[in-house]
């Protein structure tokens, strides 16, 4: 049964897997997913906000109450998924930092 957890917080990884002891520190997931998620989610939210404004023309405070929390929730939830997927890809491809291993040593 799965006992550990990949995230230790909302967007931070735990030091190692609670089940198998895999050290997460050797993977470099960085902030790459954050940049892509910000652009993708920003595009979606902007499109929805424009659509709502043209369809209903609500007051500005409705946009603030609706889109700010939704954006924050989508980015935080998306970061957990995106960083986890990036870690999985790095693990399966045995990715390392440049110069971290001899390319002839397979």
PDB file of N, CA and C in Angstrom:
ATOM      1  N   UNK A   1       0.839  -1.184   0.000  1.00  0.00           N
ATOM      2  CA  UNK A   1       0.000   0.000   0.000  1.00  0.00           C
ATOM      3  C   UNK A   1       0.880   1.241   0.000  1.00  0.00           C
ATOM      4  N   UNK A   2       0.436   2.269  -0.650  1.00  0.00           N
ATOM      5  CA  UNK A   2       1.185   3.521  -0.741  1.00  0.00           C
ATOM      6  C   UNK A   2       1.101   4.263   0.587  1.00  0.00           C
ATOM      7  N   UNK A   3       2.268   4.486   1.214  1.00  0.00           N
ATOM      8  CA  UNK A   3       2.290   5.153   2.518  1.00  0.00           C
ATOM      9  C   UNK A   3       2.870   6.549   2.456  1.00  0.00           C
ATOM     10  N   UNK A   4       3.833   6.760   1.588  1.00  0.00           N
ATOM     11  CA  UNK A   4       4.479   8.057   1.515  1.00  0.00           C
ATOM     12  C   UNK A   4       3.702   8.999   0.637  1.00  0.00           C
ATOM     13  N   UNK A   5       4.291  10.123   0.430  1.00  0.00           N
ATOM     14  CA  UNK A   5       3.669  11.083  -0.459  1.00  0.00           C
ATOM     15  C   UNK A   5       4.754  11.852  -1.169  1.00  0.00           C
ATOM     16  N   UNK A   6       4.539  12.154  -2.417  1.00  0.00           N
ATOM     17  CA  UNK A   6       5.512  12.935  -3.168  1.00  0.00           C
ATOM     18  C   UNK A   6       5.565  14.366  -2.654  1.00  0.00           C
ATOM     19  N   UNK A   7       4.444  15.069  -2.534  1.00  0.00           N
ATOM     20  CA  UNK A   7       4.514  16.437  -2.025  1.00  0.00           C
ATOM     21  C   UNK A   7       4.593  16.477  -0.495  1.00  0.00           C
ATOM     22  N   UNK A   8       5.449  17.371   0.005  1.00  0.00           N
ATOM     23  CA  UNK A   8       5.521  17.602   1.445  1.00  0.00           C
ATOM     24  C   UNK A   8       4.655  18.805   1.812  1.00  0.00           C
ATOM     25  N   UNK A   9       4.310  19.596   0.841  1.00  0.00           N
ATOM     26  CA  UNK A   9       3.453  20.765   1.029  1.00  0.00           C
ATOM     27  C   UNK A   9       2.635  20.941  -0.233  1.00  0.00           C
ATOM     28  N   UNK A  10       2.192  22.156  -0.469  1.00  0.00           N
ATOM     29  CA  UNK A  10       1.374  22.397  -1.658  1.00  0.00           C
ATOM     30  C   UNK A  10       2.147  22.173  -2.940  1.00  0.00           C
ATOM     31  N   UNK A  11       3.395  22.644  -3.002  1.00  0.00           N
ATOM     32  CA  UNK A  11       4.178  22.493  -4.228  1.00  0.00           C
ATOM     33  C   UNK A  11       5.609  22.015  -3.973  1.00  0.00           C
ATOM     34  N   UNK A  12       5.919  21.626  -2.778  1.00  0.00           N
ATOM     35  CA  UNK A  12       7.270  21.196  -2.427  1.00  0.00           C
ATOM     36  C   UNK A  12       7.293  19.689  -2.265  1.00  0.00           C
ATOM     37  N   UNK A  13       8.374  19.056  -2.746  1.00  0.00           N
ATOM     38  CA  UNK A  13       8.521  17.615  -2.606  1.00  0.00           C
ATOM     39  C   UNK A  13       9.000  17.245  -1.208  1.00  0.00           C
ATOM     40  N   UNK A  14       8.670  16.039  -0.801  1.00  0.00           N
ATOM     41  CA  UNK A  14       9.242  15.478   0.415  1.00  0.00           C
ATOM     42  C   UNK A  14      10.710  15.152   0.124  1.00  0.00           C
ATOM     43  N   UNK A  15      11.497  14.893   1.168  1.00  0.00           N
ATOM     44  CA  UNK A  15      12.911  14.578   0.977  1.00  0.00           C
ATOM     45  C   UNK A  15      13.098  13.221   0.310  1.00  0.00           C
ATOM     46  N   UNK A  16      12.257  12.260   0.666  1.00  0.00           N
ATOM     47  CA  UNK A  16      12.350  10.930   0.067  1.00  0.00           C
ATOM     48  C   UNK A  16      10.999  10.241   0.159  1.00  0.00           C
ATOM     49  N   UNK A  17      10.866   9.174  -0.596  1.00  0.00           N
ATOM     50  CA  UNK A  17       9.620   8.406  -0.609  1.00  0.00           C
ATOM     51  C   UNK A  17       9.449   7.683   0.721  1.00  0.00           C
ATOM     52  N   UNK A  18       8.251   7.750   1.290  1.00  0.00           N
ATOM     53  CA  UNK A  18       7.984   7.089   2.555  1.00  0.00           C
ATOM     54  C   UNK A  18       7.885   5.585   2.430  1.00  0.00           C
ATOM     55  N   UNK A  19       7.646   5.065   1.231  1.00  0.00           N
ATOM     56  CA  UNK A  19       7.503   3.617   1.031  1.00  0.00           C
ATOM     57  C   UNK A  19       8.819   2.942   0.664  1.00  0.00           C
ATOM     58  N   UNK A  20       9.492   3.485  -0.363  1.00  0.00           N
ATOM     59  CA  UNK A  20      10.690   2.806  -0.881  1.00  0.00           C
ATOM     60  C   UNK A  20      11.988   3.519  -0.548  1.00  0.00           C
ATOM     61  N   UNK A  21      11.916   4.749  -0.050  1.00  0.00           N
ATOM     62  CA  UNK A  21      13.122   5.487   0.315  1.00  0.00           C
ATOM     63  C   UNK A  21      13.817   6.179  -0.850  1.00  0.00           C
ATOM     64  N   UNK A  22      13.180   6.279  -2.009  1.00  0.00           N
ATOM     65  CA  UNK A  22      13.777   6.955  -3.170  1.00  0.00           C
ATOM     66  C   UNK A  22      14.060   8.412  -2.820  1.00  0.00           C
ATOM     67  N   UNK A  23      15.293   8.840  -3.051  1.00  0.00           N
ATOM     68  CA  UNK A  23      15.718  10.200  -2.742  1.00  0.00           C
ATOM     69  C   UNK A  23      15.250  11.138  -3.851  1.00  0.00           C
ATOM     70  N   UNK A  24      14.309  12.027  -3.531  1.00  0.00           N
ATOM     71  CA  UNK A  24      13.778  12.954  -4.522  1.00  0.00           C
ATOM     72  C   UNK A  24      14.736  14.100  -4.824  1.00  0.00           C
ATOM     73  N   UNK A  25      15.731  14.315  -3.978  1.00  0.00           N
ATOM     74  CA  UNK A  25      16.651  15.436  -4.147  1.00  0.00           C
ATOM     75  C   UNK A  25      17.505  15.294  -5.408  1.00  0.00           C
ATOM     76  N   UNK A  26      17.688  14.084  -5.919  1.00  0.00           N
ATOM     77  CA  UNK A  26      18.526  13.903  -7.107  1.00  0.00           C
ATOM     78  C   UNK A  26      17.815  14.306  -8.398  1.00  0.00           C
ATOM     79  N   UNK A  27      16.528  14.604  -8.328  1.00  0.00           N
ATOM     80  CA  UNK A  27      15.778  15.006  -9.510  1.00  0.00           C
ATOM     81  C   UNK A  27      15.671  16.519  -9.555  1.00  0.00           C
ATOM     82  N   UNK A  28      15.853  17.077 -10.747  1.00  0.00           N
ATOM     83  CA  UNK A  28      15.818  18.523 -10.916  1.00  0.00           C
ATOM     84  C   UNK A  28      14.531  18.918 -11.638  1.00  0.00           C
ATOM     85  N   UNK A  29      13.464  19.096 -10.878  1.00  0.00           N
ATOM     86  CA  UNK A  29      12.211  19.499 -11.507  1.00  0.00           C
ATOM     87  C   UNK A  29      12.074  21.017 -11.542  1.00  0.00           C
ATOM     88  N   UNK A  30      12.757  21.720 -10.675  1.00  0.00           N
ATOM     89  CA  UNK A  30      12.840  23.171 -10.716  1.00  0.00           C
ATOM     90  C   UNK A  30      11.522  23.899 -10.897  1.00  0.00           C
ATOM     91  N   UNK A  31      11.603  25.047 -11.555  1.00  0.00           N
ATOM     92  CA  UNK A  31      10.434  25.894 -11.768  1.00  0.00           C
ATOM     93  C   UNK A  31       9.948  25.876 -13.208  1.00  0.00           C
ATOM     94  N   UNK A  32      10.446  24.970 -14.019  1.00  0.00           N
ATOM     95  CA  UNK A  32      10.004  24.880 -15.407  1.00  0.00           C
ATOM     96  C   UNK A  32       8.509  24.692 -15.547  1.00  0.00           C
ATOM     97  N   UNK A  33       7.922  23.753 -14.789  1.00  0.00           N
ATOM     98  CA  UNK A  33       6.474  23.572 -14.892  1.00  0.00           C
ATOM     99  C   UNK A  33       5.681  24.812 -14.501  1.00  0.00           C
ATOM    100  N   UNK A  34       6.216  25.614 -13.588  1.00  0.00           N
ATOM    101  CA  UNK A  34       5.492  26.805 -13.130  1.00  0.00           C
ATOM    102  C   UNK A  34       5.326  27.815 -14.261  1.00  0.00           C
ATOM    103  N   UNK A  35       6.356  27.983 -15.074  1.00  0.00           N
ATOM    104  CA  UNK A  35       6.268  28.941 -16.178  1.00  0.00           C
ATOM    105  C   UNK A  35       5.226  28.503 -17.201  1.00  0.00           C
ATOM    106  N   UNK A  36       5.257  27.234 -17.583  1.00  0.00           N
ATOM    107  CA  UNK A  36       4.287  26.738 -18.551  1.00  0.00           C
ATOM    108  C   UNK A  36       2.867  26.772 -17.998  1.00  0.00           C
ATOM    109  N   UNK A  37       2.706  26.379 -16.746  1.00  0.00           N
ATOM    110  CA  UNK A  37       1.367  26.405 -16.152  1.00  0.00           C
ATOM    111  C   UNK A  37       0.816  27.811 -16.058  1.00  0.00           C
ATOM    112  N   UNK A  38       1.672  28.761 -15.701  1.00  0.00           N
ATOM    113  CA  UNK A  38       1.223  30.144 -15.608  1.00  0.00           C
ATOM    114  C   UNK A  38       0.714  30.635 -16.955  1.00  0.00           C
ATOM    115  N   UNK A  39       1.438  30.320 -18.015  1.00  0.00           N
ATOM    116  CA  UNK A  39       1.013  30.752 -19.348  1.00  0.00           C
ATOM    117  C   UNK A  39      -0.264  30.041 -19.799  1.00  0.00           C
ATOM    118  N   UNK A  40      -0.325  28.739 -19.592  1.00  0.00           N
ATOM    119  CA  UNK A  40      -1.489  27.970 -20.032  1.00  0.00           C
ATOM    120  C   UNK A  40      -2.737  28.353 -19.243  1.00  0.00           C
ATOM    121  N   UNK A  41      -2.618  28.362 -17.926  1.00  0.00           N
ATOM    122  CA  UNK A  41      -3.774  28.691 -17.084  1.00  0.00           C
ATOM    123  C   UNK A  41      -4.154  30.155 -17.257  1.00  0.00           C
ATOM    124  N   UNK A  42      -3.175  31.023 -17.419  1.00  0.00           N
ATOM    125  CA  UNK A  42      -3.476  32.435 -17.670  1.00  0.00           C
ATOM    126  C   UNK A  42      -4.269  32.634 -18.950  1.00  0.00           C
ATOM    127  N   UNK A  43      -3.926  31.876 -19.977  1.00  0.00           N
ATOM    128  CA  UNK A  43      -4.664  31.950 -21.241  1.00  0.00           C
ATOM    129  C   UNK A  43      -6.103  31.472 -21.059  1.00  0.00           C
ATOM    130  N   UNK A  44      -6.273  30.370 -20.354  1.00  0.00           N
ATOM    131  CA  UNK A  44      -7.614  29.831 -20.116  1.00  0.00           C
ATOM    132  C   UNK A  44      -8.461  30.811 -19.305  1.00  0.00           C
ATOM    133  N   UNK A  45      -7.902  31.320 -18.221  1.00  0.00           N
ATOM    134  CA  UNK A  45      -8.640  32.242 -17.346  1.00  0.00           C
ATOM    135  C   UNK A  45      -8.973  33.532 -18.089  1.00  0.00           C
ATOM    136  N   UNK A  46      -8.018  34.051 -18.864  1.00  0.00           N
ATOM    137  CA  UNK A  46      -8.270  35.279 -19.619  1.00  0.00           C
ATOM    138  C   UNK A  46      -9.399  35.078 -20.634  1.00  0.00           C
ATOM    139  N   UNK A  47      -9.368  33.952 -21.327  1.00  0.00           N
ATOM    140  CA  UNK A  47     -10.440  33.652 -22.283  1.00  0.00           C
ATOM    141  C   UNK A  47     -11.794  33.547 -21.610  1.00  0.00           C
ATOM    142  N   UNK A  48     -11.839  32.866 -20.469  1.00  0.00           N
ATOM    143  CA  UNK A  48     -13.105  32.746 -19.736  1.00  0.00           C
ATOM    144  C   UNK A  48     -13.586  34.097 -19.204  1.00  0.00           C
ATOM    145  N   UNK A  49     -12.651  34.921 -18.720  1.00  0.00           N
ATOM    146  CA  UNK A  49     -13.030  36.236 -18.200  1.00  0.00           C
ATOM    147  C   UNK A  49     -13.574  37.134 -19.313  1.00  0.00           C
ATOM    148  N   UNK A  50     -12.947  37.090 -20.464  1.00  0.00           N
ATOM    149  CA  UNK A  50     -13.446  37.887 -21.600  1.00  0.00           C
ATOM    150  C   UNK A  50     -14.824  37.389 -22.030  1.00  0.00           C
ATOM    151  N   UNK A  51     -14.975  36.079 -22.121  1.00  0.00           N
ATOM    152  CA  UNK A  51     -16.270  35.507 -22.495  1.00  0.00           C
ATOM    153  C   UNK A  51     -17.361  35.932 -21.510  1.00  0.00           C
ATOM    154  N   UNK A  52     -17.069  35.824 -20.195  1.00  0.00           N
ATOM    155  CA  UNK A  52     -18.059  36.219 -19.187  1.00  0.00           C
ATOM    156  C   UNK A  52     -18.389  37.699 -19.289  1.00  0.00           C
ATOM    157  N   UNK A  53     -17.370  38.517 -19.508  1.00  0.00           N
ATOM    158  CA  UNK A  53     -17.604  39.954 -19.594  1.00  0.00           C
ATOM    159  C   UNK A  53     -18.464  40.309 -20.807  1.00  0.00           C
ATOM    160  N   UNK A  54     -18.216  39.661 -21.927  1.00  0.00           N
ATOM    161  CA  UNK A  54     -19.012  39.934 -23.118  1.00  0.00           C
ATOM    162  C   UNK A  54     -20.426  39.361 -23.021  1.00  0.00           C
ATOM    163  N   UNK A  55     -20.569  38.219 -22.352  1.00  0.00           N
ATOM    164  CA  UNK A  55     -21.879  37.566 -22.267  1.00  0.00           C
ATOM    165  C   UNK A  55     -22.788  38.202 -21.214  1.00  0.00           C
ATOM    166  N   UNK A  56     -22.238  38.548 -20.060  1.00  0.00           N
ATOM    167  CA  UNK A  56     -23.066  38.994 -18.934  1.00  0.00           C
ATOM    168  C   UNK A  56     -22.769  40.429 -18.517  1.00  0.00           C
ATOM    169  N   UNK A  57     -21.538  40.891 -18.757  1.00  0.00           N
ATOM    170  CA  UNK A  57     -21.079  42.216 -18.348  1.00  0.00           C
ATOM    171  C   UNK A  57     -21.267  42.456 -16.849  1.00  0.00           C
ATOM    172  N   UNK A  58     -20.649  41.575 -16.009  1.00  0.00           N
ATOM    173  CA  UNK A  58     -20.780  41.749 -14.560  1.00  0.00           C
ATOM    174  C   UNK A  58     -19.889  42.890 -14.072  1.00  0.00           C
ATOM    175  N   UNK A  59     -20.111  43.371 -12.848  1.00  0.00           N
ATOM    176  CA  UNK A  59     -19.222  44.394 -12.292  1.00  0.00           C
ATOM    177  C   UNK A  59     -17.813  43.824 -12.072  1.00  0.00           C
ATOM    178  N   UNK A  60     -16.847  44.698 -11.930  1.00  0.00           N
ATOM    179  CA  UNK A  60     -15.443  44.293 -11.800  1.00  0.00           C
ATOM    180  C   UNK A  60     -15.217  43.378 -10.608  1.00  0.00           C
ATOM    181  N   UNK A  61     -15.891  43.656  -9.483  1.00  0.00           N
ATOM    182  CA  UNK A  61     -15.654  42.859  -8.284  1.00  0.00           C
ATOM    183  C   UNK A  61     -16.042  41.395  -8.493  1.00  0.00           C
ATOM    184  N   UNK A  62     -16.978  41.108  -9.373  1.00  0.00           N
ATOM    185  CA  UNK A  62     -17.334  39.716  -9.672  1.00  0.00           C
ATOM    186  C   UNK A  62     -16.146  39.013 -10.336  1.00  0.00           C
ATOM    187  N   UNK A  63     -15.469  39.709 -11.236  1.00  0.00           N
ATOM    188  CA  UNK A  63     -14.280  39.134 -11.856  1.00  0.00           C
ATOM    189  C   UNK A  63     -13.205  38.837 -10.814  1.00  0.00           C
ATOM    190  N   UNK A  64     -12.994  39.763  -9.906  1.00  0.00           N
ATOM    191  CA  UNK A  64     -11.966  39.562  -8.875  1.00  0.00           C
ATOM    192  C   UNK A  64     -12.326  38.384  -7.981  1.00  0.00           C
ATOM    193  N   UNK A  65     -13.554  38.333  -7.517  1.00  0.00           N
ATOM    194  CA  UNK A  65     -13.993  37.252  -6.630  1.00  0.00           C
ATOM    195  C   UNK A  65     -13.937  35.896  -7.340  1.00  0.00           C
ATOM    196  N   UNK A  66     -14.209  35.874  -8.608  1.00  0.00           N
ATOM    197  CA  UNK A  66     -14.259  34.614  -9.353  1.00  0.00           C
ATOM    198  C   UNK A  66     -12.889  34.151  -9.845  1.00  0.00           C
ATOM    199  N   UNK A  67     -12.136  35.016 -10.515  1.00  0.00           N
ATOM    200  CA  UNK A  67     -10.944  34.583 -11.236  1.00  0.00           C
ATOM    201  C   UNK A  67      -9.690  34.497 -10.388  1.00  0.00           C
ATOM    202  N   UNK A  68      -9.529  35.338  -9.393  1.00  0.00           N
ATOM    203  CA  UNK A  68      -8.306  35.280  -8.574  1.00  0.00           C
ATOM    204  C   UNK A  68      -8.207  33.956  -7.816  1.00  0.00           C
ATOM    205  N   UNK A  69      -9.237  33.543  -7.061  1.00  0.00           N
ATOM    206  CA  UNK A  69      -9.123  32.246  -6.379  1.00  0.00           C
ATOM    207  C   UNK A  69      -9.038  31.061  -7.349  1.00  0.00           C
ATOM    208  N   UNK A  70      -9.794  31.123  -8.434  1.00  0.00           N
ATOM    209  CA  UNK A  70      -9.761  30.029  -9.405  1.00  0.00           C
ATOM    210  C   UNK A  70      -8.371  29.887 -10.019  1.00  0.00           C
ATOM    211  N   UNK A  71      -7.738  30.987 -10.335  1.00  0.00           N
ATOM    212  CA  UNK A  71      -6.380  30.949 -10.886  1.00  0.00           C
ATOM    213  C   UNK A  71      -5.406  30.350  -9.880  1.00  0.00           C
ATOM    214  N   UNK A  72      -5.480  30.797  -8.629  1.00  0.00           N
ATOM    215  CA  UNK A  72      -4.574  30.277  -7.598  1.00  0.00           C
ATOM    216  C   UNK A  72      -4.767  28.775  -7.388  1.00  0.00           C
ATOM    217  N   UNK A  73      -5.999  28.334  -7.344  1.00  0.00           N
ATOM    218  CA  UNK A  73      -6.286  26.907  -7.151  1.00  0.00           C
ATOM    219  C   UNK A  73      -5.775  26.091  -8.331  1.00  0.00           C
ATOM    220  N   UNK A  74      -6.007  26.567  -9.540  1.00  0.00           N
ATOM    221  CA  UNK A  74      -5.572  25.830 -10.727  1.00  0.00           C
ATOM    222  C   UNK A  74      -4.044  25.748 -10.814  1.00  0.00           C
ATOM    223  N   UNK A  75      -3.349  26.829 -10.485  1.00  0.00           N
ATOM    224  CA  UNK A  75      -1.893  26.812 -10.542  1.00  0.00           C
ATOM    225  C   UNK A  75      -1.324  25.896  -9.461  1.00  0.00           C
ATOM    226  N   UNK A  76      -1.825  25.990  -8.251  1.00  0.00           N
ATOM    227  CA  UNK A  76      -1.307  25.145  -7.163  1.00  0.00           C
ATOM    228  C   UNK A  76      -1.580  23.664  -7.437  1.00  0.00           C
ATOM    229  N   UNK A  77      -2.773  23.350  -7.863  1.00  0.00           N
ATOM    230  CA  UNK A  77      -3.084  21.957  -8.181  1.00  0.00           C
ATOM    231  C   UNK A  77      -2.310  21.463  -9.387  1.00  0.00           C
ATOM    232  N   UNK A  78      -2.168  22.315 -10.374  1.00  0.00           N
ATOM    233  CA  UNK A  78      -1.425  21.949 -11.576  1.00  0.00           C
ATOM    234  C   UNK A  78       0.053  21.751 -11.310  1.00  0.00           C
ATOM    235  N   UNK A  79       0.615  22.535 -10.398  1.00  0.00           N
ATOM    236  CA  UNK A  79       2.030  22.378 -10.063  1.00  0.00           C
ATOM    237  C   UNK A  79       2.312  21.017  -9.444  1.00  0.00           C
ATOM    238  N   UNK A  80       1.422  20.571  -8.577  1.00  0.00           N
ATOM    239  CA  UNK A  80       1.605  19.249  -7.960  1.00  0.00           C
ATOM    240  C   UNK A  80       1.654  18.166  -9.031  1.00  0.00           C
ATOM    241  N   UNK A  81       0.730  18.246  -9.966  1.00  0.00           N
ATOM    242  CA  UNK A  81       0.661  17.238 -11.023  1.00  0.00           C
ATOM    243  C   UNK A  81       1.848  17.359 -11.973  1.00  0.00           C
ATOM    244  N   UNK A  82       2.148  18.570 -12.427  1.00  0.00           N
ATOM    245  CA  UNK A  82       3.217  18.774 -13.402  1.00  0.00           C
ATOM    246  C   UNK A  82       4.583  18.399 -12.837  1.00  0.00           C
ATOM    247  N   UNK A  83       4.866  18.785 -11.598  1.00  0.00           N
ATOM    248  CA  UNK A  83       6.151  18.433 -10.997  1.00  0.00           C
ATOM    249  C   UNK A  83       6.248  16.932 -10.774  1.00  0.00           C
ATOM    250  N   UNK A  84       5.161  16.312 -10.386  1.00  0.00           N
ATOM    251  CA  UNK A  84       5.157  14.859 -10.215  1.00  0.00           C
ATOM    252  C   UNK A  84       5.410  14.142 -11.532  1.00  0.00           C
ATOM    253  N   UNK A  85       4.763  14.608 -12.608  1.00  0.00           N
ATOM    254  CA  UNK A  85       4.974  13.996 -13.917  1.00  0.00           C
ATOM    255  C   UNK A  85       6.405  14.189 -14.403  1.00  0.00           C
ATOM    256  N   UNK A  86       6.974  15.371 -14.161  1.00  0.00           N
ATOM    257  CA  UNK A  86       8.349  15.622 -14.559  1.00  0.00           C
ATOM    258  C   UNK A  86       9.311  14.725 -13.787  1.00  0.00           C
ATOM    259  N   UNK A  87       9.060  14.518 -12.517  1.00  0.00           N
ATOM    260  CA  UNK A  87       9.893  13.618 -11.726  1.00  0.00           C
ATOM    261  C   UNK A  87       9.796  12.190 -12.258  1.00  0.00           C
ATOM    262  N   UNK A  88       8.610  11.758 -12.626  1.00  0.00           N
ATOM    263  CA  UNK A  88       8.421  10.408 -13.174  1.00  0.00           C
ATOM    264  C   UNK A  88       9.209  10.248 -14.473  1.00  0.00           C
ATOM    265  N   UNK A  89       9.145  11.242 -15.354  1.00  0.00           N
ATOM    266  CA  UNK A  89       9.877  11.172 -16.615  1.00  0.00           C
ATOM    267  C   UNK A  89      11.380  11.124 -16.361  1.00  0.00           C
ATOM    268  N   UNK A  90      11.872  11.962 -15.449  1.00  0.00           N
ATOM    269  CA  UNK A  90      13.295  11.952 -15.131  1.00  0.00           C
ATOM    270  C   UNK A  90      13.711  10.608 -14.545  1.00  0.00           C
ATOM    271  N   UNK A  91      12.894  10.021 -13.713  1.00  0.00           N
ATOM    272  CA  UNK A  91      13.209   8.727 -13.101  1.00  0.00           C
ATOM    273  C   UNK A  91      13.273   7.631 -14.169  1.00  0.00           C
ATOM    274  N   UNK A  92      12.295   7.591 -15.042  1.00  0.00           N
ATOM    275  CA  UNK A  92      12.261   6.543 -16.059  1.00  0.00           C
ATOM    276  C   UNK A  92      13.374   6.685 -17.089  1.00  0.00           C
ATOM    277  N   UNK A  93      13.801   7.904 -17.357  1.00  0.00           N
ATOM    278  CA  UNK A  93      14.887   8.128 -18.322  1.00  0.00           C
ATOM    279  C   UNK A  93      16.247   8.197 -17.645  1.00  0.00           C
ATOM    280  N   UNK A  94      16.289   8.003 -16.335  1.00  0.00           N
ATOM    281  CA  UNK A  94      17.522   8.062 -15.556  1.00  0.00           C
ATOM    282  C   UNK A  94      18.269   9.366 -15.828  1.00  0.00           C
ATOM    283  N   UNK A  95      17.545  10.475 -15.817  1.00  0.00           N
ATOM    284  CA  UNK A  95      18.114  11.783 -16.129  1.00  0.00           C
ATOM    285  C   UNK A  95      19.023  12.259 -15.000  1.00  0.00           C
ATOM    286  N   UNK A  96      20.096  12.923 -15.385  1.00  0.00           N
ATOM    287  CA  UNK A  96      21.053  13.496 -14.440  1.00  0.00           C
ATOM    288  C   UNK A  96      21.445  14.883 -14.942  1.00  0.00           C
ATOM    289  N   UNK A  97      22.097  15.636 -14.081  1.00  0.00           N
ATOM    290  CA  UNK A  97      22.656  16.918 -14.495  1.00  0.00           C
ATOM    291  C   UNK A  97      23.759  16.658 -15.522  1.00  0.00           C
ATOM    292  N   UNK A  98      24.028  17.631 -16.367  1.00  0.00           N
ATOM    293  CA  UNK A  98      25.070  17.481 -17.368  1.00  0.00           C
ATOM    294  C   UNK A  98      26.402  17.186 -16.695  1.00  0.00           C
ATOM    295  N   UNK A  99      27.098  16.182 -17.194  1.00  0.00           N
ATOM    296  CA  UNK A  99      28.386  15.795 -16.616  1.00  0.00           C
ATOM    297  C   UNK A  99      28.238  14.902 -15.403  1.00  0.00           C
ATOM    298  N   UNK A 100      27.021  14.487 -15.096  1.00  0.00           N
ATOM    299  CA  UNK A 100      26.798  13.670 -13.894  1.00  0.00           C
ATOM    300  C   UNK A 100      27.161  12.212 -14.048  1.00  0.00           C
ATOM    301  N   UNK A 101      27.333  11.745 -15.286  1.00  0.00           N
ATOM    302  CA  UNK A 101      27.725  10.351 -15.499  1.00  0.00           C
ATOM    303  C   UNK A 101      28.454  10.241 -16.827  1.00  0.00           C
ATOM    304  N   UNK A 102      29.195   9.181 -16.984  1.00  0.00           N
ATOM    305  CA  UNK A 102      29.930   8.928 -18.205  1.00  0.00           C
ATOM    306  C   UNK A 102      28.962   8.383 -19.258  1.00  0.00           C
ATOM    307  N   UNK A 103      28.851   9.009 -20.449  1.00  0.00           N
ATOM    308  CA  UNK A 103      27.890   8.537 -21.446  1.00  0.00           C
ATOM    309  C   UNK A 103      28.200   7.135 -21.948  1.00  0.00           C
ATOM    310  N   UNK A 104      29.460   6.683 -21.880  1.00  0.00           N
ATOM    311  CA  UNK A 104      29.816   5.332 -22.314  1.00  0.00           C
ATOM    312  C   UNK A 104      29.517   4.287 -21.257  1.00  0.00           C
ATOM    313  N   UNK A 105      29.211   4.710 -20.066  1.00  0.00           N
ATOM    314  CA  UNK A 105      28.950   3.802 -18.950  1.00  0.00           C
ATOM    315  C   UNK A 105      27.473   3.485 -18.887  1.00  0.00           C
ATOM    316  N   UNK A 106      27.011   2.485 -19.596  1.00  0.00           N
ATOM    317  CA  UNK A 106      25.587   2.136 -19.657  1.00  0.00           C
ATOM    318  C   UNK A 106      25.300   0.932 -18.862  1.00  0.00           C
TER     319      UNK A 106
END
